[in-house]
C-alpha atoms as a PDB file:
ATOM      1  CA  MET A   1     -57.417-133.472 -62.553  1.00  0.00           C
ATOM      2  CA  LEU A   2     -53.743-132.605 -62.326  1.00  0.00           C
ATOM      3  CA  GLU A   3     -54.385-129.702 -59.985  1.00  0.00           C
ATOM      4  CA  GLN A   4     -56.541-131.878 -57.752  1.00  0.00           C
ATOM      5  CA  PHE A   5     -53.996-134.673 -57.741  1.00  0.00           C
ATOM      6  CA  TRP A   6     -51.123-132.407 -56.770  1.00  0.00           C
ATOM      7  CA  ALA A   7     -53.192-130.844 -53.980  1.00  0.00           C
ATOM      8  CA  THR A   8     -54.071-134.264 -52.574  1.00  0.00           C
ATOM      9  CA  ALA A   9     -50.796-136.024 -53.434  1.00  0.00           C
ATOM     10  CA  SER A  10     -48.905-137.694 -50.630  1.00  0.00           C
ATOM     11  CA  THR A  11     -45.738-136.202 -49.244  1.00  0.00           C
ATOM     12  CA  SER A  12     -43.750-139.214 -50.422  1.00  0.00           C
ATOM     13  CA  TYR A  13     -44.856-138.597 -54.016  1.00  0.00           C
ATOM     14  CA  LYS A  14     -43.922-134.927 -53.841  1.00  0.00           C
ATOM     15  CA  VAL A  15     -40.509-135.793 -52.367  1.00  0.00           C
ATOM     16  CA  LEU A  16     -39.933-138.326 -55.169  1.00  0.00           C
ATOM     17  CA  VAL A  17     -40.863-135.810 -57.857  1.00  0.00           C
ATOM     18  CA  PHE A  18     -38.722-132.983 -56.521  1.00  0.00           C
ATOM     19  CA  GLY A  19     -35.854-135.330 -55.676  1.00  0.00           C
ATOM     20  CA  ALA A  20     -35.905-136.730 -59.202  1.00  0.00           C
ATOM     21  CA  MET A  21     -35.974-133.270 -60.762  1.00  0.00           C
ATOM     22  CA  GLY A  22     -33.133-132.126 -58.521  1.00  0.00           C
ATOM     23  CA  LEU A  23     -30.906-135.117 -59.278  1.00  0.00           C
ATOM     24  CA  ILE A  24     -31.530-134.874 -63.010  1.00  0.00           C
ATOM     25  CA  ALA A  25     -30.732-131.139 -62.933  1.00  0.00           C
ATOM     26  CA  VAL A  26     -27.527-131.666 -60.938  1.00  0.00           C
ATOM     27  CA  GLY A  27     -26.495-134.467 -63.276  1.00  0.00           C
ATOM     28  CA  LEU A  28     -27.108-132.326 -66.338  1.00  0.00           C
ATOM     29  CA  VAL A  29     -25.123-129.424 -64.907  1.00  0.00           C
ATOM     30  CA  LEU A  30     -22.234-131.727 -64.012  1.00  0.00           C
ATOM     31  CA  SER A  31     -22.345-133.244 -67.482  1.00  0.00           C
ATOM     32  CA  ILE A  32     -22.284-129.854 -69.173  1.00  0.00           C
ATOM     33  CA  VAL A  33     -19.464-128.590 -66.962  1.00  0.00           C
ATOM     34  CA  GLY A  34     -17.488-131.787 -67.425  1.00  0.00           C
ATOM     35  CA  ASN A  35     -17.864-131.790 -71.180  1.00  0.00           C
ATOM     36  CA  THR A  36     -17.138-128.091 -71.708  1.00  0.00           C
ATOM     37  CA  SER A  37     -14.071-128.149 -69.448  1.00  0.00           C
ATOM     38  CA  GLY A  38     -12.741-131.384 -70.919  1.00  0.00           C
ATOM     39  CA  ASN A  39     -13.008-133.192 -67.588  1.00  0.00           C
ATOM     40  CA  GLN A  40     -14.093-136.619 -68.772  1.00  0.00           C
ATOM     41  CA  GLY A  41     -14.228-138.022 -65.221  1.00  0.00           C
ATOM     42  CA  LEU A  42     -16.795-135.431 -64.174  1.00  0.00           C
ATOM     43  CA  ALA A  43     -18.829-136.004 -67.320  1.00  0.00           C
ATOM     44  CA  ILE A  44     -18.925-139.757 -66.723  1.00  0.00           C
ATOM     45  CA  ALA A  45     -19.647-139.318 -63.001  1.00  0.00           C
ATOM     46  CA  SER A  46     -22.766-137.316 -63.906  1.00  0.00           C
ATOM     47  CA  LEU A  47     -24.364-140.277 -65.688  1.00  0.00           C
ATOM     48  CA  PRO A  48     -25.228-142.320 -62.557  1.00  0.00           C
ATOM     49  CA  ILE A  49     -26.707-139.185 -60.965  1.00  0.00           C
ATOM     50  CA  ILE A  50     -28.980-138.701 -63.969  1.00  0.00           C
ATOM     51  CA  GLY A  51     -29.818-142.419 -63.863  1.00  0.00           C
ATOM     52  CA  VAL A  52     -30.853-142.289 -60.203  1.00  0.00           C
ATOM     53  CA  GLY A  53     -33.000-139.252 -60.977  1.00  0.00           C
ATOM     54  CA  LEU A  54     -34.721-141.142 -63.777  1.00  0.00           C
ATOM     55  CA  LEU A  55     -35.302-144.141 -61.494  1.00  0.00           C
ATOM     56  CA  LEU A  56     -36.864-141.864 -58.886  1.00  0.00           C
ATOM     57  CA  HIS A  57     -39.049-140.378 -61.596  1.00  0.00           C
ATOM     58  CA  VAL A  58     -40.290-143.825 -62.643  1.00  0.00           C
ATOM     59  CA  THR A  59     -40.887-144.705 -58.990  1.00  0.00           C
ATOM     60  CA  GLY A  60     -42.977-141.552 -58.672  1.00  0.00           C
ATOM     61  CA  LEU A  61     -45.042-142.616 -61.674  1.00  0.00           C
ATOM     62  CA  VAL A  62     -45.661-146.003 -60.055  1.00  0.00           C
ATOM     63  CA  VAL A  63     -46.702-144.369 -56.770  1.00  0.00           C
ATOM     64  CA  ARG A  64     -49.045-142.034 -58.632  1.00  0.00           C
ATOM     65  CA  GLY A  65     -50.530-144.893 -60.671  1.00  0.00           C
ATOM     66  CA  GLN A  66     -51.189-146.947 -57.555  1.00  0.00           C
ATOM     67  CA  LYS A  67     -52.926-144.034 -55.863  1.00  0.00           C
ATOM     68  CA  ILE A  68     -55.119-143.421 -58.932  1.00  0.00           C
ATOM     69  CA  ARG A  69     -55.989-147.136 -59.170  1.00  0.00           C
ATOM     70  CA  LYS A  70     -56.959-147.182 -55.497  1.00  0.00           C
ATOM     71  CA  SER A  71     -59.174-144.134 -55.963  1.00  0.00           C
ATOM     72  CA  TYR A  72     -61.005-145.845 -58.853  1.00  0.00           C
ATOM     73  CA  LYS A  73     -61.723-148.945 -56.765  1.00  0.00           C
ATOM     74  CA  LYS A  74     -63.543-146.926 -54.108  1.00  0.00           C
END
């Protein structure tokens, strides 16, 4: 089912998924760099980036759930 869903997934869902993964990855890299270099400002600035990535991820789950619910109603 996962392969079929990804093949038929909307562009908005795919953008949400890749955007979320990208923001979380950037946030993690900034956090690691900030913490290893002792730059507390950079480490703290990475937290909202990770948070936005997580929010996009949850939004993607909602979009996916709505699409699956609509397919069951047909």
